[in-house]
Protein backbone atom coordinates (compact mmCIF):
# COMPACT_ATOMS: atom_id res chain seq x y z
CA MET A 1 71.12 -83.02 17.51
CA SER A 2 74.31 -81.06 18.04
CA PRO A 3 76.69 -80.53 15.11
CA ASP A 4 79.96 -82.42 14.77
CA PHE A 5 81.80 -79.12 14.25
CA THR A 6 81.02 -75.47 14.99
CA PHE A 7 82.98 -72.66 13.36
CA LYS A 8 82.82 -68.96 14.17
CA LEU A 9 83.14 -66.70 11.11
CA LEU A 10 83.59 -62.94 11.32
CA MET A 11 81.99 -60.87 8.54
CA LEU A 12 84.04 -57.66 8.31
CA GLY A 13 84.35 -54.56 6.16
CA ASP A 14 83.23 -50.97 5.83
CA ALA A 15 79.58 -49.92 5.89
CA SER A 16 77.52 -50.81 2.80
CA VAL A 17 79.98 -53.27 1.25
CA GLY A 18 77.35 -56.03 1.32
CA LYS A 19 78.15 -58.07 4.45
CA THR A 20 74.54 -58.46 5.52
CA SER A 21 73.32 -59.08 1.96
CA LEU A 22 75.95 -61.80 1.55
CA THR A 23 75.03 -63.35 4.88
CA HIS A 24 71.30 -63.37 4.04
CA ARG A 25 71.99 -64.81 0.58
CA TYR A 26 74.03 -67.65 2.10
CA ILE A 27 71.60 -68.39 4.95
CA THR A 28 68.31 -68.11 3.01
CA GLY A 29 69.26 -68.21 -0.67
CA VAL A 30 67.42 -64.91 -1.14
CA PHE A 31 68.92 -61.51 -1.98
CA VAL A 32 67.83 -58.67 0.31
CA ASP A 33 68.19 -55.48 -1.73
CA SER A 34 68.17 -52.95 1.12
CA PRO A 35 68.95 -54.64 4.43
CA ARG A 36 68.73 -52.53 7.55
CA LEU A 37 71.92 -50.98 8.88
CA THR A 38 73.77 -53.34 11.20
CA ILE A 39 73.96 -51.72 14.62
CA GLY A 40 76.96 -53.21 16.43
CA VAL A 41 76.91 -56.90 15.52
CA ASP A 42 74.30 -59.35 14.25
CA PHE A 43 74.49 -63.11 14.69
CA PHE A 44 73.39 -65.76 12.20
CA SER A 45 73.97 -69.49 11.90
CA LYS A 46 73.56 -72.21 9.32
CA LYS A 47 73.89 -75.94 9.74
CA ILE A 48 75.17 -77.92 6.76
CA ARG A 49 75.79 -81.60 6.15
CA LEU A 50 79.03 -82.58 4.43
CA ASP A 51 79.64 -85.43 2.00
CA ASN A 52 81.21 -87.49 4.81
CA ASN A 53 77.89 -87.26 6.72
CA LYS A 54 79.37 -84.86 9.30
CA SER A 55 77.36 -81.80 10.27
CA VAL A 56 78.86 -78.34 10.57
CA LYS A 57 77.36 -75.26 12.14
CA ILE A 58 78.66 -71.97 10.77
CA GLN A 59 78.14 -69.07 13.19
CA ILE A 60 78.35 -65.78 11.30
CA TRP A 61 79.09 -62.65 13.29
CA ASP A 62 78.17 -59.73 11.02
CA PHE A 63 79.86 -56.54 12.25
CA GLY A 64 78.51 -53.10 11.56
CA GLY A 65 80.97 -51.41 9.25
CA GLU A 66 80.74 -47.93 10.67
CA GLU A 67 83.82 -46.89 12.59
CA ARG A 68 81.76 -46.15 15.72
CA PHE A 69 81.11 -49.91 16.13
CA ARG A 70 84.71 -51.01 15.71
CA PHE A 71 85.31 -50.95 19.47
CA LEU A 72 83.24 -54.17 19.69
CA LEU A 73 85.51 -56.10 17.36
CA PRO A 74 88.38 -56.98 19.75
CA THR A 75 86.05 -58.68 22.22
CA TYR A 76 83.84 -60.45 19.70
CA SER A 77 86.74 -61.66 17.55
CA LYS A 78 88.15 -63.85 20.32
CA GLY A 79 87.59 -67.52 19.60
CA SER A 80 86.97 -66.94 15.91
CA ASN A 81 88.00 -69.58 13.40
CA ALA A 82 88.04 -67.42 10.25
CA ALA A 83 86.98 -64.11 8.73
CA PHE A 84 85.61 -62.73 5.48
CA PHE A 85 86.77 -59.18 4.79
CA LEU A 86 84.48 -57.62 2.19
CA TYR A 87 85.27 -54.66 -0.01
CA ASP A 88 83.02 -53.18 -2.69
CA ILE A 89 84.65 -53.47 -6.14
CA THR A 90 82.99 -50.14 -7.06
CA SER A 91 84.51 -48.17 -4.17
CA HIS A 92 88.26 -47.84 -3.75
CA LYS A 93 87.79 -46.44 -0.24
CA THR A 94 86.45 -49.79 1.02
CA LEU A 95 89.76 -51.56 0.41
CA GLU A 96 91.83 -48.83 2.06
CA SER A 97 90.65 -49.76 5.57
CA LEU A 98 91.83 -53.37 5.22
CA SER A 99 94.98 -52.83 7.31
CA VAL A 100 92.99 -51.48 10.29
CA TRP A 101 90.59 -54.45 10.32
CA ILE A 102 93.41 -56.98 9.84
CA GLN A 103 95.44 -55.50 12.69
CA ILE A 104 92.50 -55.82 15.11
CA ILE A 105 91.77 -59.40 14.04
CA ARG A 106 95.39 -60.59 14.18
CA LYS A 107 95.83 -59.06 17.63
CA ASN A 108 92.65 -60.55 19.13
CA ALA A 109 91.86 -63.71 17.13
CA GLY A 110 95.38 -64.77 16.16
CA ASN A 111 96.47 -65.97 12.76
CA ILE A 112 93.07 -67.18 11.57
CA PRO A 113 92.31 -67.64 7.86
CA ILE A 114 91.02 -64.42 6.31
CA PHE A 115 89.37 -64.41 2.90
CA LEU A 116 89.40 -61.15 0.95
CA ILE A 117 86.03 -60.90 -0.79
CA GLY A 118 85.25 -58.41 -3.56
CA SER A 119 81.50 -57.83 -3.37
CA LYS A 120 79.02 -56.50 -5.93
CA LYS A 121 80.58 -58.32 -8.87
CA ASP A 122 77.29 -57.74 -10.71
CA LEU A 123 78.32 -54.04 -10.93
CA VAL A 124 81.46 -54.79 -12.93
CA ASP A 125 80.76 -51.84 -15.28
CA HIS A 126 81.36 -49.51 -12.30
CA ARG A 127 84.51 -51.27 -11.08
CA GLN A 128 87.15 -49.12 -9.34
CA ILE A 129 89.29 -51.95 -7.97
CA SER A 130 90.79 -54.50 -10.34
CA PHE A 131 90.96 -58.13 -9.34
CA GLU A 132 94.76 -57.93 -9.63
CA GLU A 133 95.01 -54.90 -7.32
CA ALA A 134 92.96 -56.64 -4.63
CA SER A 135 94.99 -59.85 -5.07
CA GLN A 136 98.14 -57.84 -4.41
CA LYS A 137 96.56 -56.58 -1.16
CA ALA A 138 95.70 -60.15 -0.20
CA ASP A 139 99.33 -61.15 -0.76
CA GLU A 140 100.65 -58.09 1.09
CA PHE A 141 98.60 -58.93 4.20
CA LEU A 142 99.16 -62.70 3.93
CA LEU A 143 95.46 -63.42 3.52
CA THR A 144 94.28 -66.95 2.83
CA ASN A 145 92.25 -66.36 -0.30
CA HIS A 146 90.86 -63.67 -2.61
CA THR A 147 87.71 -63.94 -4.68
CA GLU A 148 84.85 -61.86 -6.01
CA LEU A 149 81.14 -62.60 -5.73
CA SER A 150 77.68 -61.15 -6.06
CA ALA A 151 75.09 -61.55 -3.33
CA LYS A 152 72.54 -60.21 -5.82
CA THR A 153 73.05 -62.87 -8.48
CA GLY A 154 74.40 -65.53 -6.12
CA GLU A 155 77.58 -65.89 -8.18
CA ASN A 156 80.35 -67.49 -6.13
CA VAL A 157 78.45 -67.25 -2.80
CA GLU A 158 78.13 -70.97 -2.05
CA GLU A 159 81.62 -71.63 -3.38
CA SER A 160 83.14 -69.04 -1.02
CA PHE A 161 81.51 -70.53 2.06
CA GLN A 162 82.24 -74.06 0.87
CA GLY A 163 85.93 -73.20 0.41
CA LEU A 164 86.04 -71.74 3.89
CA THR A 165 84.31 -74.77 5.41
CA GLU A 166 86.68 -77.18 3.65
CA LEU A 167 89.69 -75.22 4.90
CA LEU A 168 88.39 -75.22 8.48
CA MET A 169 87.61 -78.94 8.33
CA LYS A 170 91.16 -79.62 7.11
CA LYS A 171 92.61 -77.50 9.94
CA SER A 172 90.41 -79.32 12.48
CA LYS A 173 91.62 -82.68 11.19
CA GLU A 174 95.26 -81.57 11.42
CA ILE A 175 94.77 -80.34 14.99
CA SER A 176 93.06 -83.59 15.93
CA GLU A 177 95.93 -85.63 14.47
CA ILE A 178 98.48 -83.57 16.41
CA GLN A 179 96.53 -84.07 19.63
CA ASP A 180 96.27 -87.83 18.97
CA LYS A 181 100.05 -88.05 18.53
CA LYS A 182 100.59 -86.34 21.89
CA LEU A 183 98.41 -88.89 23.65
C-alpha cells in the first residue's frame, strides 16, 4: 500500500559528524558504532503511521561529508522537502562549513526547512560548541530549528524526526488548503 505522504529529507554535514549513525538509529533503533564511510550518497526510507491514521514515508538521502562528494548535492537536493544539517558538538570545525552547505541547498532546493542538529550529545564532557553558539548560527542563517541529540544513547532522535514530520505535515496541509481555495 502506498503512503499518504512522502517526504524527502537531506542528511548533511561534514565527514564523521554522525549522519549515518543517526540515520541507522532512526531507521532500525540500533546504534552502529563505526559505520562505513558514505561514498557519495546513501538512500534510506522509513514508513510511519501517524495518530490520524495517515502513513508517511520519509526518504533519507545521506550525503557523504567529504568535500569531494559535494558536487552531487545540487542535483540530489532538487525536490527535497527538508534537511538536517549535523555538526559534532566536540568539533568546532564542523559548524564552520554550515554556510557552504546552506548556500547549496537554498540555491537548489529553495527555502526548505533546515534543522541544525548538534550530534554526539553523549560526549558533552568534550564539548567545543555551546548550545547558545549553535543557536546563534541557526538564527543567523534563518534555520527552522536547533537541537542536540545522541545517536548512541538515542536521546532526542525520535523527537527530532517527529518534529520534522509534524512540520512537513502542517506545510502539506497549508498547501492543500491554498490549492483548494484556487479551485
